[in-house]
Protein backbone atom coordinates (compact mmCIF):
# COMPACT_ATOMS: atom_id res chain seq x y z
CA MET A 1 -26.69 8.11 36.76
CA PRO A 2 -27.27 11.43 35.12
CA GLY A 3 -26.63 11.54 31.38
CA MET A 4 -26.01 7.84 30.72
CA ASP A 5 -27.40 4.67 32.22
CA GLY A 6 -25.26 1.65 33.05
CA TYR A 7 -25.93 -0.02 29.71
CA GLU A 8 -24.79 3.04 27.79
CA THR A 9 -21.75 3.42 30.05
CA ALA A 10 -20.79 -0.24 29.50
CA ALA A 11 -21.15 0.11 25.73
CA HIS A 12 -18.99 3.25 25.84
CA ILE A 13 -16.30 1.43 27.86
CA LYS A 14 -16.33 -1.53 25.46
CA ARG A 15 -15.92 0.70 22.38
CA ARG A 16 -12.37 1.54 23.50
CA HIS A 17 -9.99 -1.00 21.96
CA ARG A 18 -7.98 -1.48 25.16
CA ASN A 19 -11.15 -2.21 27.18
CA ARG A 20 -12.94 -4.53 24.78
CA ASP A 21 -11.91 -7.75 26.55
CA ILE A 22 -12.35 -6.56 30.13
CA PRO A 23 -15.30 -8.36 31.76
CA LEU A 24 -18.03 -6.10 33.16
CA ILE A 25 -20.35 -7.15 35.97
CA PHE A 26 -23.53 -5.13 36.36
CA LEU A 27 -24.55 -4.08 39.89
CA THR A 28 -28.20 -3.20 40.22
CA ALA A 29 -30.36 -1.80 42.99
CA MET A 30 -33.46 -3.21 41.33
CA GLY A 31 -32.33 -6.81 41.75
CA THR A 32 -32.94 -7.51 38.09
CA VAL A 33 -31.08 -6.52 34.98
CA ASP A 34 -32.32 -6.66 31.42
CA SER A 35 -29.96 -9.55 30.67
CA ALA A 36 -30.13 -9.29 26.89
CA ARG A 37 -29.38 -5.58 27.01
CA GLY A 38 -26.59 -6.12 29.55
CA TYR A 39 -24.92 -8.79 27.44
CA ALA A 40 -25.32 -6.66 24.30
CA ALA A 41 -23.56 -3.80 26.12
CA GLY A 42 -20.62 -6.05 26.96
CA GLY A 43 -21.55 -7.35 30.39
CA VAL A 44 -20.65 -10.87 31.45
CA ASP A 45 -22.80 -11.14 34.59
CA SER A 46 -24.86 -9.18 37.09
CA ILE A 47 -25.42 -9.07 40.83
CA GLY A 48 -28.19 -7.35 42.78
CA LYS A 49 -27.93 -5.03 45.75
CA PRO A 50 -27.43 -5.44 48.57
CA VAL A 51 -24.26 -7.04 47.31
CA ASP A 52 -22.95 -10.15 49.03
CA PRO A 53 -19.22 -9.35 49.13
CA TRP A 54 -18.27 -13.03 48.97
CA ALA A 55 -20.39 -13.59 45.87
CA LEU A 56 -18.98 -10.48 44.20
CA ARG A 57 -15.40 -11.55 44.98
CA ALA A 58 -16.11 -15.01 43.57
CA LYS A 59 -17.53 -13.55 40.35
CA VAL A 60 -14.61 -11.15 39.96
CA ASP A 61 -12.16 -14.00 40.60
CA VAL A 62 -13.76 -16.25 37.98
CA PHE A 63 -13.92 -13.60 35.28
CA THR A 64 -10.42 -12.33 36.07
CA ARG A 65 -9.03 -15.85 35.70
CA ILE A 66 -10.85 -16.31 32.39
CA HIS A 67 -9.60 -12.94 31.15
CA LEU A 68 -5.99 -13.66 32.14
CA GLU A 69 -6.14 -17.14 30.62
CA ARG A 70 -7.27 -15.66 27.32
CA LEU A 71 -4.50 -13.10 27.43
CA HIS A 72 -1.96 -15.83 28.14
CA ARG A 73 -3.16 -17.86 25.16
CA GLY A 74 -2.69 -14.80 22.97
CA ARG A 75 -6.33 -14.40 22.09
C-alpha cells in the first residue's frame, strides 16, 4: 500500500473512538505477520494468502460474535 502499511492503517482505524472495539484480521501475502506489531496495532488475528474462504468466514464469525456479546453486556 502506498503511503501507509497495514499496521499503520490498523492503528489509524483504531484511533477513532467508534472503531476502537471493532476486531481487525490481518490478511498477508507473505504468509506471516509480525504478530506483536499486529496486536499492538489493534489486530485480533491474521490469515495468509491465498485465503481459505471457509477459514476466513469462521474467523469473522467468531470475532463478530465476541464483539456483539461485548456490546450486549454493555462493555
